Amino acid sequence: MSGPWWREAVVYEVYVRSFADSDGDGVGDLEGVRSRLPHLVDLGVDALWLTPFYRSPMQDHGYDVAVYDDVDPLFGDLAGFDRLLADAHAAGLRVVVDVVPNHTSQEHAWFREALADPASPARARYVFRDGRGDEPPNNWRSVFGGPAWTRESPTGQWYLHLFDSSQPDLDWTNREVHDELLRVLRFWLDRGVDGFRIDVAHLLYKDPELADLPPGEYDDRRVGDRDEVLAVYEEWRRLLDSYDGDRMTVGEVFLFDVPRIARYVSGSRLHQAFNFTVMATPWGAAALRRTLETALQHFSPGTWVLSNHDLTRHVTRYGGGSLGRRRGLAVTALLLALPGSPYLYQGEELGLDEAEVPADRRQDPIFRRTAGAEAGRDGCRTPIPWEADAAGYGFTAGDPWLPFGADSAQLAADVQRRDPSSVLVAYQRLLATRRALLQEEPGDEVVFLELDEDLLGVRRGWLVAVLNTAGEAVQVELAGELLESSAPGAEAAGGVVTVPAAATVWLRS
């Protein structure tokens, strides 16, 4: 493969709390991740992305950072991080870490100082404003539910938090904020990380007028996605380019306007931005084709995301159970045939469904802030079942911080490794074949084939992939050698390929 490693890398998201627990406290940790690196090597991914493991009061499970350059004792320590990084690199895996630049924890030293002394310079590092009498400065709503403003005291100012009240937004018009985040990036780059995933990368700058929004509407251009933020990433790009080893950034730009997302990766800005449009596309060949055509037109190459720690697992979105697993695997196989970087979420290689979490076990601040009206994200964050017959399914020797999904014994990793028809084995096979094919450099040009309405076919050089969204097998007039199928029953003979129902096949044409 030519070019930087990240252009075609398969990146695996590790939600640290739920991956593997080494000390029996029920919460995953860095040593647990290190112990399970062989799973990632066997799976065939190129890199892992670690969700936040920094010092935090854990009101949003690590996305409320109190200290950016240290490891929370819940997850280990800096020496443990260094061991994980060294072992990952020795195994041929790159390591991407999360950075949270939009907000800090309310326990951050800056915010504590800002509350303690209204005359402190720290005050200007956050968005404090006078209210309108006893009302907030504007009518903005938190992404997590409820108002986006909290009053510091009964007679004081209000501070902005686009997420939980424990996550005050930084003011990126203040140069000190820029300098501090650059210092944080240098700290982790100097330790040897290969890149950064940037949390809510589009929200750093807000409308300076903080004007009201129309009732019931959310306007990305006022709340965020402002042109000023692009200069931040140009500065970050210069920093990363000053290091060797093709260090990279990927932004969580949670928008669905693809041309606007593309601004973040044009020129010398971010290396990648997540493309959530596939995630939002319903099952069906025509809809998927429109989504893929738009993405391929604007990204060169792009990213492909079906699930992560904020999204309902795609197996459930595609119908749940065996049907959802079959459809999810089919779409994954199609995406793996395209140019770009697929981002996998832990547990999708096991075909895990969204878990049912009882109300008394839910921990997501969304559930709390909406008084239970919204379930939140706990269902996609339940622990990984490693061993069907082990206590705690091999995840923990203690009580897990969230309950396991109902399908944990059936879909445990050790069970699937022994089953050649399992989702796990299919992922391993597809990733191994993809890696081998990329050595032959099929190129970035993609041509869409004109097929029946239930079929979506693409040609990338000599590689052809066909997705069948119908409920029965379909025969297609295509000549070539059958390389892979996401489901049994595929055949290629006499210039005709049989594509099983809800499956994708790969051909060498």
Protein backbone atom coordinates (compact mmCIF):
# COMPACT_ATOMS: atom_id res chain seq x y z
CA MET A 1 0.00 0.00 0.00
CA SER A 2 1.35 3.39 -0.93
CA GLY A 3 0.66 6.61 0.95
CA PRO A 4 0.21 7.32 4.66
CA TRP A 5 -0.95 4.43 6.83
CA TRP A 6 -4.24 6.09 7.83
CA ARG A 7 -5.66 6.47 4.30
CA GLU A 8 -6.86 2.84 4.17
CA ALA A 9 -6.46 1.82 7.83
CA VAL A 10 -9.09 -0.23 9.60
CA VAL A 11 -9.41 1.47 12.98
CA TYR A 12 -11.03 -0.29 15.95
CA GLU A 13 -12.66 1.81 18.65
CA VAL A 14 -11.94 0.61 22.17
CA TYR A 15 -14.47 1.96 24.66
CA VAL A 16 -12.06 1.45 27.52
CA ARG A 17 -14.63 1.11 30.31
CA SER A 18 -16.22 -1.91 28.62
CA PHE A 19 -13.38 -3.70 26.86
CA ALA A 20 -11.48 -5.66 29.50
CA ASP A 21 -11.06 -5.26 33.27
CA SER A 22 -7.73 -6.37 34.73
CA ASP A 23 -8.28 -5.61 38.42
CA GLY A 24 -11.79 -6.87 39.16
CA ASP A 25 -13.47 -3.54 39.87
CA GLY A 26 -15.99 -4.05 37.06
CA VAL A 27 -14.61 -1.28 34.85
CA GLY A 28 -12.31 -1.85 31.89
CA ASP A 29 -8.82 -0.38 32.04
CA LEU A 30 -5.62 0.07 30.07
CA GLU A 31 -4.03 -3.13 31.34
CA GLY A 32 -7.16 -4.96 30.24
CA VAL A 33 -6.80 -3.49 26.77
CA ARG A 34 -3.15 -4.57 26.70
CA SER A 35 -4.13 -8.13 27.62
CA ARG A 36 -6.56 -8.30 24.69
CA LEU A 37 -4.29 -6.91 21.98
CA PRO A 38 -3.96 -10.42 20.46
CA HIS A 39 -7.68 -10.27 19.67
CA LEU A 40 -7.13 -7.13 17.61
CA VAL A 41 -4.14 -8.63 15.84
CA ASP A 42 -6.10 -11.79 15.00
CA LEU A 43 -9.03 -9.69 13.86
CA GLY A 44 -6.80 -7.93 11.35
CA VAL A 45 -7.25 -4.24 12.19
CA ASP A 46 -4.50 -1.68 11.70
CA ALA A 47 -5.06 0.68 14.62
CA LEU A 48 -7.00 1.11 17.83
CA TRP A 49 -8.69 4.27 19.05
CA LEU A 50 -8.90 4.61 22.82
CA THR A 51 -11.77 6.58 24.33
CA PRO A 52 -10.75 9.03 27.12
CA PHE A 53 -8.75 7.53 29.98
CA TYR A 54 -7.71 10.88 31.52
CA ARG A 55 -8.40 12.07 35.06
CA SER A 56 -12.11 12.75 35.31
CA PRO A 57 -15.01 12.68 37.77
CA MET A 58 -16.70 10.45 35.15
CA GLN A 59 -19.96 12.36 34.93
CA ASP A 60 -19.85 11.60 31.19
CA HIS A 61 -17.56 8.59 31.58
CA GLY A 62 -14.34 10.34 30.67
CA TYR A 63 -15.56 12.95 28.20
CA ASP A 64 -15.48 15.39 31.13
CA VAL A 65 -11.72 15.81 31.46
CA ALA A 66 -10.25 17.28 34.64
CA VAL A 67 -6.58 16.66 33.81
CA TYR A 68 -5.60 16.15 30.18
CA ASP A 69 -2.06 14.86 30.69
CA ASP A 70 -2.55 12.08 33.21
CA VAL A 71 -4.36 8.74 33.45
CA ASP A 72 -7.29 8.38 35.80
CA PRO A 73 -6.50 5.77 38.49
CA LEU A 74 -9.68 3.95 37.45
CA PHE A 75 -7.88 3.05 34.21
CA GLY A 76 -4.27 2.74 35.40
CA ASP A 77 -1.37 5.16 35.23
CA LEU A 78 1.02 6.70 32.71
CA ALA A 79 3.43 3.79 33.01
CA GLY A 80 0.58 1.44 32.11
CA PHE A 81 -0.29 3.59 29.11
CA ASP A 82 3.32 3.47 27.96
CA ARG A 83 3.29 -0.35 28.23
CA LEU A 84 0.10 -0.53 26.20
CA LEU A 85 1.50 1.80 23.55
CA ALA A 86 4.77 -0.14 23.32
CA ASP A 87 3.02 -3.50 23.05
CA ALA A 88 0.58 -2.22 20.43
CA HIS A 89 3.41 -0.84 18.32
CA ALA A 90 5.34 -4.09 18.70
CA ALA A 91 2.25 -5.92 17.41
CA GLY A 92 2.03 -3.63 14.37
CA LEU A 93 -0.93 -1.61 15.67
CA ARG A 94 -1.14 2.17 15.63
CA VAL A 95 -2.72 3.95 18.61
CA VAL A 96 -5.13 6.89 18.34
CA VAL A 97 -6.28 8.65 21.52
CA ASP A 98 -9.29 10.85 22.16
CA VAL A 99 -8.94 14.58 22.76
CA VAL A 100 -11.84 16.67 24.09
CA PRO A 101 -11.35 20.34 23.11
CA ASN A 102 -14.90 21.74 23.32
CA HIS A 103 -15.30 21.50 27.07
CA THR A 104 -13.60 20.43 30.27
CA SER A 105 -14.88 18.92 33.47
CA GLN A 106 -16.23 21.26 36.12
CA GLU A 107 -13.41 19.80 38.24
CA HIS A 108 -10.72 21.18 35.91
CA ALA A 109 -8.41 23.59 37.71
CA TRP A 110 -9.34 26.38 35.29
CA PHE A 111 -13.05 26.09 35.98
CA ARG A 112 -12.61 25.81 39.73
CA GLU A 113 -10.56 29.01 39.60
CA ALA A 114 -13.18 30.70 37.41
CA LEU A 115 -15.90 29.94 39.95
CA ALA A 116 -13.79 30.92 42.96
CA ASP A 117 -12.73 34.31 41.61
CA PRO A 118 -14.88 36.18 39.04
CA ALA A 119 -11.90 38.48 38.40
CA SER A 120 -9.59 35.58 37.54
CA PRO A 121 -8.20 35.24 33.98
CA ALA A 122 -9.60 31.71 34.06
CA ARG A 123 -13.07 33.19 33.77
CA ALA A 124 -12.39 34.29 30.19
CA ARG A 125 -11.45 30.73 29.21
CA TYR A 126 -15.11 29.70 29.47
CA VAL A 127 -18.38 31.12 28.15
CA PHE A 128 -19.86 33.06 31.08
CA ARG A 129 -22.67 35.51 30.40
CA ASP A 130 -25.23 37.55 32.32
CA GLY A 131 -28.72 36.19 32.20
CA ARG A 132 -31.92 37.86 31.08
CA GLY A 133 -33.24 38.58 34.53
CA ASP A 134 -33.61 35.15 36.11
CA GLU A 135 -33.55 33.44 32.71
CA PRO A 136 -30.53 32.06 30.79
CA PRO A 137 -28.72 34.25 28.23
CA ASN A 138 -30.47 32.47 25.34
CA ASN A 139 -32.78 29.57 24.59
CA TRP A 140 -30.16 27.04 23.51
CA ARG A 141 -30.73 23.45 24.58
CA SER A 142 -28.15 20.91 25.65
CA VAL A 143 -27.47 17.99 23.32
CA PHE A 144 -28.11 15.84 26.40
CA GLY A 145 -31.47 17.47 27.16
CA GLY A 146 -32.49 20.48 29.21
CA PRO A 147 -31.05 24.00 29.04
CA ALA A 148 -27.52 24.59 27.75
CA TRP A 149 -26.86 27.06 30.58
CA THR A 150 -26.34 26.66 34.31
CA ARG A 151 -26.16 29.51 36.80
CA GLU A 152 -23.04 29.51 38.93
CA SER A 153 -24.95 30.87 41.95
CA PRO A 154 -28.40 32.29 42.68
CA THR A 155 -27.17 35.80 41.80
CA GLY A 156 -24.22 35.00 39.52
CA GLN A 157 -23.62 34.59 35.83
CA TRP A 158 -24.52 31.63 33.68
CA TYR A 159 -22.03 29.31 31.95
CA LEU A 160 -22.59 27.51 28.66
CA HIS A 161 -22.50 23.73 28.39
CA LEU A 162 -23.66 22.17 25.15
CA PHE A 163 -23.60 18.82 26.94
CA ASP A 164 -23.93 18.10 30.67
CA SER A 165 -23.75 20.88 33.28
CA SER A 166 -20.59 19.16 34.52
CA GLN A 167 -18.95 19.93 31.12
CA PRO A 168 -18.51 23.73 30.77
CA ASP A 169 -17.66 24.85 27.24
CA LEU A 170 -14.31 26.49 26.63
CA ASP A 171 -14.15 29.86 24.90
CA TRP A 172 -12.03 29.37 21.80
CA THR A 173 -11.79 33.11 21.17
CA ASN A 174 -9.29 33.09 24.05
CA ARG A 175 -5.73 32.38 22.87
CA GLU A 176 -4.88 30.67 26.16
CA VAL A 177 -7.29 27.88 25.25
CA HIS A 178 -5.48 27.29 21.94
CA ASP A 179 -2.10 27.20 23.66
CA GLU A 180 -3.24 24.76 26.32
CA LEU A 181 -4.67 22.26 23.84
CA LEU A 182 -1.50 22.50 21.74
CA ARG A 183 0.45 21.68 24.89
CA VAL A 184 -1.79 18.66 25.50
CA LEU A 185 -1.28 17.41 21.94
CA ARG A 186 2.48 17.75 22.28
CA PHE A 187 2.42 15.81 25.56
CA TRP A 188 0.81 12.76 23.94
CA LEU A 189 2.71 13.09 20.66
CA ASP A 190 5.94 13.06 22.61
CA ARG A 191 4.82 9.83 24.28
CA GLY A 192 4.43 8.30 20.83
CA VAL A 193 0.73 8.25 19.99
CA ASP A 194 -0.06 7.99 16.30
CA GLY A 195 -3.04 10.30 16.18
CA PHE A 196 -6.06 11.92 17.79
CA ARG A 197 -9.79 11.48 17.50
CA ILE A 198 -11.27 14.93 18.15
CA ASP A 199 -14.51 14.98 20.10
CA VAL A 200 -17.28 17.20 18.61
CA ALA A 201 -14.68 18.86 16.40
CA HIS A 202 -17.25 21.20 14.81
CA LEU A 203 -18.55 22.84 18.01
CA LEU A 204 -15.59 24.84 19.31
CA TYR A 205 -16.71 28.24 18.03
CA LYS A 206 -20.21 29.59 18.68
CA ASP A 207 -22.18 32.51 17.30
CA PRO A 208 -20.52 35.49 19.06
CA GLU A 209 -23.96 37.08 19.50
CA LEU A 210 -25.28 33.93 21.20
CA ALA A 211 -28.59 34.71 19.54
CA ASP A 212 -31.76 32.76 20.27
CA LEU A 213 -32.65 29.90 17.97
CA PRO A 214 -36.12 29.51 16.48
CA PRO A 215 -38.22 27.51 18.98
CA GLY A 216 -37.69 23.80 18.56
CA GLU A 217 -34.88 24.17 16.05
CA TYR A 218 -31.18 23.34 16.24
CA ASP A 219 -29.01 25.42 13.92
CA ASP A 220 -25.52 23.96 13.48
CA ARG A 221 -24.25 27.21 12.02
CA ARG A 222 -25.04 29.19 15.18
CA VAL A 223 -24.29 26.58 17.79
CA GLY A 224 -21.20 25.41 15.91
CA ASP A 225 -19.73 24.49 12.51
CA ARG A 226 -18.37 28.01 12.08
CA ASP A 227 -15.54 28.84 9.69
CA GLU A 228 -13.35 30.09 12.54
CA VAL A 229 -12.79 26.53 13.73
CA LEU A 230 -10.98 25.58 10.53
CA ALA A 231 -7.97 27.69 11.50
CA VAL A 232 -7.66 25.65 14.70
CA TYR A 233 -7.16 22.49 12.71
CA GLU A 234 -4.73 24.16 10.34
CA GLU A 235 -2.61 24.97 13.40
CA TRP A 236 -2.97 21.44 14.73
CA ARG A 237 -1.99 20.04 11.33
CA ARG A 238 1.23 22.08 11.36
CA LEU A 239 2.03 20.65 14.78
CA LEU A 240 1.42 17.06 13.73
CA ASP A 241 3.37 17.52 10.50
CA SER A 242 6.38 18.55 12.58
CA TYR A 243 6.52 14.98 14.00
CA ASP A 244 7.65 11.92 12.09
CA GLY A 245 5.57 8.80 11.54
CA ASP A 246 2.51 10.15 9.70
CA ARG A 247 0.68 11.33 12.83
CA MET A 248 -2.98 11.97 12.08
CA THR A 249 -6.25 13.50 13.24
CA VAL A 250 -9.83 12.38 12.70
CA GLY A 251 -12.64 14.73 13.62
CA GLU A 252 -16.01 13.84 15.00
CA VAL A 253 -17.86 16.30 12.77
CA PHE A 254 -21.39 15.23 13.56
CA LEU A 255 -23.09 16.76 10.55
CA PHE A 256 -24.98 15.24 7.64
CA ASP A 257 -24.24 18.00 5.12
CA VAL A 258 -21.38 16.25 3.32
CA PRO A 259 -19.93 19.33 1.57
CA ARG A 260 -19.70 21.08 4.93
CA ILE A 261 -18.00 18.08 6.51
CA ALA A 262 -15.52 18.06 3.63
CA ARG A 263 -14.34 21.56 4.59
CA TYR A 264 -12.69 20.07 7.64
CA VAL A 265 -10.40 17.84 5.58
CA SER A 266 -9.63 20.17 2.68
CA GLY A 267 -6.17 21.70 2.38
CA SER A 268 -4.00 21.28 5.45
CA ARG A 269 -6.66 20.73 8.08
CA LEU A 270 -7.78 17.43 9.54
CA HIS A 271 -6.56 14.24 7.93
CA GLN A 272 -9.99 12.62 8.25
CA ALA A 273 -13.49 13.40 9.44
CA PHE A 274 -16.09 10.84 10.40
CA ASN A 275 -18.79 10.36 7.79
CA PHE A 276 -21.99 9.40 9.62
CA THR A 277 -24.20 9.43 6.54
CA VAL A 278 -23.96 5.67 6.00
CA MET A 279 -25.04 5.12 9.59
CA ALA A 280 -28.12 7.25 8.95
CA THR A 281 -29.05 5.50 5.69
CA PRO A 282 -31.81 2.87 5.82
CA TRP A 283 -31.37 -0.63 4.44
CA GLY A 284 -31.89 -0.54 0.69
CA ALA A 285 -29.74 -0.46 -2.43
CA ALA A 286 -30.95 2.85 -3.86
CA ALA A 287 -30.57 4.81 -0.61
CA LEU A 288 -27.14 3.34 0.06
CA ARG A 289 -25.99 4.13 -3.46
CA ARG A 290 -26.97 7.80 -3.10
CA THR A 291 -25.11 8.02 0.20
CA LEU A 292 -21.95 6.37 -1.12
CA GLU A 293 -21.91 8.41 -4.33
CA THR A 294 -22.08 11.65 -2.35
CA ALA A 295 -19.34 10.55 0.05
CA LEU A 296 -17.00 9.40 -2.69
CA GLN A 297 -17.54 12.67 -4.55
CA HIS A 298 -16.42 14.79 -1.58
CA PHE A 299 -13.82 12.70 0.26
CA SER A 300 -10.59 11.31 -1.17
CA PRO A 301 -10.58 8.93 0.51
CA GLY A 302 -13.14 9.07 3.30
CA THR A 303 -14.14 7.18 6.41
CA TRP A 304 -16.90 4.64 6.89
CA VAL A 305 -18.77 4.44 10.21
CA LEU A 306 -21.68 2.16 11.10
CA SER A 307 -21.44 2.11 14.90
CA ASN A 308 -19.65 3.76 17.82
CA HIS A 309 -20.11 4.46 21.52
CA ASP A 310 -22.80 7.10 20.84
CA LEU A 311 -24.93 5.18 18.33
CA THR A 312 -27.42 2.36 18.57
CA ARG A 313 -25.58 -0.73 17.39
CA HIS A 314 -26.11 -1.29 13.69
CA VAL A 315 -27.20 -4.91 14.12
CA THR A 316 -30.23 -3.58 15.98
CA ARG A 317 -30.81 -0.78 13.47
CA TYR A 318 -30.82 -3.34 10.64
CA GLY A 319 -33.55 -5.41 12.23
CA GLY A 320 -31.86 -7.11 15.18
CA GLY A 321 -30.92 -10.72 15.83
CA SER A 322 -29.79 -12.94 12.98
CA LEU A 323 -31.36 -10.66 10.34
CA GLY A 324 -29.56 -7.60 11.71
CA ARG A 325 -26.29 -9.49 11.88
CA ARG A 326 -26.63 -10.69 8.30
CA ARG A 327 -27.50 -7.24 6.96
CA GLY A 328 -24.83 -5.53 9.06
CA LEU A 329 -22.17 -7.90 7.81
CA ALA A 330 -23.30 -7.33 4.22
CA VAL A 331 -23.01 -3.54 4.48
CA THR A 332 -19.68 -3.86 6.26
CA ALA A 333 -18.35 -6.07 3.45
CA LEU A 334 -19.45 -3.48 0.88
CA LEU A 335 -17.72 -0.66 2.77
CA LEU A 336 -14.54 -2.71 3.16
CA ALA A 337 -14.33 -2.93 -0.63
CA LEU A 338 -14.33 0.86 -1.02
CA PRO A 339 -11.35 3.21 -0.75
CA GLY A 340 -11.01 4.85 2.63
CA SER A 341 -10.74 4.02 6.28
CA PRO A 342 -13.39 1.89 8.00
CA TYR A 343 -13.89 2.58 11.71
CA LEU A 344 -15.15 -0.45 13.64
CA TYR A 345 -16.67 -0.34 17.11
CA GLN A 346 -15.83 -2.97 19.69
CA GLY A 347 -18.32 -5.81 19.66
CA GLU A 348 -19.53 -5.33 16.11
CA GLU A 349 -17.14 -8.09 15.06
CA LEU A 350 -19.18 -10.30 17.40
CA GLY A 351 -22.49 -9.13 15.94
CA LEU A 352 -23.68 -7.72 19.25
CA ASP A 353 -27.16 -6.22 19.44
CA GLU A 354 -28.03 -3.13 21.43
CA ALA A 355 -28.45 -4.35 25.01
CA GLU A 356 -31.48 -3.75 27.18
CA VAL A 357 -30.30 -1.91 30.29
CA PRO A 358 -32.80 -1.59 33.18
CA ALA A 359 -33.61 1.94 34.27
CA ASP A 360 -31.96 1.44 37.65
CA ARG A 361 -28.68 0.48 35.96
CA ARG A 362 -28.55 3.28 33.39
CA GLN A 363 -25.69 5.73 33.81
CA ASP A 364 -25.73 7.95 30.72
CA PRO A 365 -26.31 11.63 31.59
CA ILE A 366 -28.81 11.76 28.70
CA PHE A 367 -31.09 9.42 30.67
CA ARG A 368 -30.76 11.61 33.75
CA ARG A 369 -31.16 14.98 32.03
CA THR A 370 -34.28 13.85 30.15
CA ALA A 371 -35.83 12.23 33.25
CA GLY A 372 -35.80 8.90 31.44
CA ALA A 373 -37.57 10.15 28.32
CA GLU A 374 -34.49 9.20 26.31
CA ALA A 375 -32.75 5.93 27.09
CA GLY A 376 -29.31 7.26 26.25
CA ARG A 377 -26.29 5.34 25.06
CA ASP A 378 -25.75 2.68 27.71
CA GLY A 379 -27.14 -0.06 25.47
CA CYS A 380 -24.24 0.14 23.03
CA ARG A 381 -21.66 0.39 25.82
CA THR A 382 -22.22 -2.85 27.71
CA PRO A 383 -19.11 -4.97 28.35
CA ILE A 384 -17.58 -7.30 25.78
CA PRO A 385 -18.24 -11.03 26.39
CA TRP A 386 -14.93 -12.77 25.90
CA GLU A 387 -15.60 -16.24 27.34
CA ALA A 388 -19.04 -17.87 27.41
CA ASP A 389 -18.46 -20.01 30.50
CA ALA A 390 -16.23 -17.71 32.56
CA ALA A 391 -17.38 -15.62 35.48
CA GLY A 392 -18.09 -12.14 34.21
CA TYR A 393 -17.76 -13.56 30.68
CA GLY A 394 -14.01 -13.04 30.92
CA PHE A 395 -14.49 -9.26 31.07
CA THR A 396 -14.24 -8.92 34.85
CA ALA A 397 -13.88 -10.92 38.03
CA GLY A 398 -16.20 -8.43 39.75
CA ASP A 399 -19.56 -6.83 39.11
CA PRO A 400 -19.62 -5.11 35.69
CA TRP A 401 -20.38 -1.40 35.64
CA LEU A 402 -23.17 -2.10 33.13
CA PRO A 403 -24.99 -5.42 32.71
CA PHE A 404 -24.08 -7.73 29.86
CA GLY A 405 -26.31 -8.04 26.83
CA ALA A 406 -28.73 -10.96 26.71
CA ASP A 407 -26.82 -12.50 23.79
CA SER A 408 -23.45 -12.57 25.58
CA ALA A 409 -23.12 -16.33 26.05
CA GLN A 410 -24.23 -17.08 22.50
CA LEU A 411 -21.95 -14.45 20.94
CA ALA A 412 -18.91 -14.65 23.22
CA ALA A 413 -15.61 -14.34 21.38
CA ASP A 414 -14.32 -17.79 22.35
CA VAL A 415 -17.48 -19.44 21.01
CA GLN A 416 -17.26 -17.59 17.72
CA ARG A 417 -13.59 -18.39 17.17
CA ARG A 418 -14.52 -22.07 17.03
CA ASP A 419 -17.41 -21.52 14.60
CA PRO A 420 -16.39 -21.02 10.95
CA SER A 421 -19.85 -19.56 10.19
CA SER A 422 -19.67 -16.89 12.93
CA VAL A 423 -19.64 -13.12 12.48
CA LEU A 424 -16.19 -12.97 14.07
CA VAL A 425 -14.68 -15.42 11.60
CA ALA A 426 -16.33 -13.53 8.73
CA TYR A 427 -14.75 -10.27 9.91
CA GLN A 428 -11.35 -11.95 10.20
CA ARG A 429 -11.65 -13.41 6.72
CA LEU A 430 -12.86 -10.19 5.09
CA LEU A 431 -10.15 -8.09 6.74
CA ALA A 432 -7.43 -10.55 5.76
CA THR A 433 -8.62 -10.61 2.14
CA ARG A 434 -8.90 -6.80 2.08
CA ARG A 435 -5.33 -6.43 3.37
CA ALA A 436 -4.02 -8.77 0.69
CA LEU A 437 -5.98 -7.01 -2.07
CA LEU A 438 -4.70 -3.59 -1.04
CA GLN A 439 -1.16 -4.79 -1.65
CA GLU A 440 -2.17 -4.96 -5.31
CA GLU A 441 -3.30 -1.29 -5.16
CA PRO A 442 -6.74 -1.36 -6.77
CA GLY A 443 -6.82 2.45 -6.75
CA ASP A 444 -9.35 5.01 -5.52
CA GLU A 445 -11.63 5.26 -8.55
CA VAL A 446 -15.05 3.71 -7.99
CA VAL A 447 -17.59 3.02 -10.73
CA PHE A 448 -21.18 2.12 -9.83
CA LEU A 449 -22.68 -0.74 -11.80
CA GLU A 450 -26.16 -0.47 -13.28
CA LEU A 451 -27.96 -3.45 -11.77
CA ASP A 452 -31.47 -4.38 -10.62
CA GLU A 453 -33.15 -2.22 -7.97
CA ASP A 454 -32.28 -4.52 -5.06
CA LEU A 455 -28.60 -4.64 -6.00
CA LEU A 456 -25.76 -2.22 -5.38
CA GLY A 457 -22.59 -2.95 -7.31
CA VAL A 458 -19.27 -1.13 -7.39
CA ARG A 459 -16.09 -1.64 -9.37
CA ARG A 460 -12.76 -0.53 -7.92
CA GLY A 461 -10.08 -1.40 -10.42
CA TRP A 462 -10.32 -5.16 -10.83
CA LEU A 463 -12.31 -5.60 -7.59
CA VAL A 464 -16.10 -5.84 -7.91
CA ALA A 465 -18.45 -5.89 -4.91
CA VAL A 466 -22.19 -6.52 -5.16
CA LEU A 467 -24.66 -6.07 -2.29
CA ASN A 468 -28.01 -7.82 -2.54
CA THR A 469 -30.66 -6.17 -0.34
CA ALA A 470 -33.45 -8.51 -1.47
CA GLY A 471 -34.92 -11.26 0.66
CA GLU A 472 -33.84 -13.99 -1.76
CA ALA A 473 -30.72 -14.88 -3.74
CA VAL A 474 -30.20 -13.07 -7.05
CA GLN A 475 -28.20 -14.09 -10.11
CA VAL A 476 -26.19 -11.38 -11.82
CA GLU A 477 -24.40 -11.53 -15.14
CA LEU A 478 -20.85 -10.80 -14.02
CA ALA A 479 -17.71 -12.67 -14.93
CA GLY A 480 -14.96 -13.12 -12.41
CA GLU A 481 -13.38 -15.14 -9.66
CA LEU A 482 -15.38 -15.29 -6.44
CA LEU A 483 -13.17 -13.95 -3.63
CA GLU A 484 -15.49 -13.47 -0.67
CA SER A 485 -19.11 -13.59 0.39
CA SER A 486 -20.59 -12.28 3.60
CA ALA A 487 -23.04 -15.20 3.69
CA PRO A 488 -23.01 -18.81 2.45
CA GLY A 489 -24.49 -19.74 -0.90
CA ALA A 490 -22.51 -17.52 -3.27
CA GLU A 491 -21.38 -18.99 -6.59
CA ALA A 492 -19.63 -17.68 -9.70
CA ALA A 493 -19.64 -19.76 -12.88
CA GLY A 494 -20.23 -19.23 -16.57
CA GLY A 495 -20.30 -15.47 -16.34
CA VAL A 496 -23.04 -15.50 -13.67
CA VAL A 497 -22.65 -14.82 -9.95
CA THR A 498 -25.22 -15.86 -7.38
CA VAL A 499 -25.47 -13.31 -4.57
CA PRO A 500 -27.24 -14.69 -1.48
CA ALA A 501 -30.03 -12.74 0.18
CA ALA A 502 -28.84 -9.81 2.35
CA ALA A 503 -25.23 -10.45 1.41
CA THR A 504 -22.26 -8.92 -0.38
CA VAL A 505 -19.88 -10.80 -2.68
CA TRP A 506 -16.42 -9.77 -3.87
CA LEU A 507 -15.16 -10.76 -7.33
CA ARG A 508 -11.89 -10.39 -9.14
CA SER A 509 -12.99 -9.29 -12.59
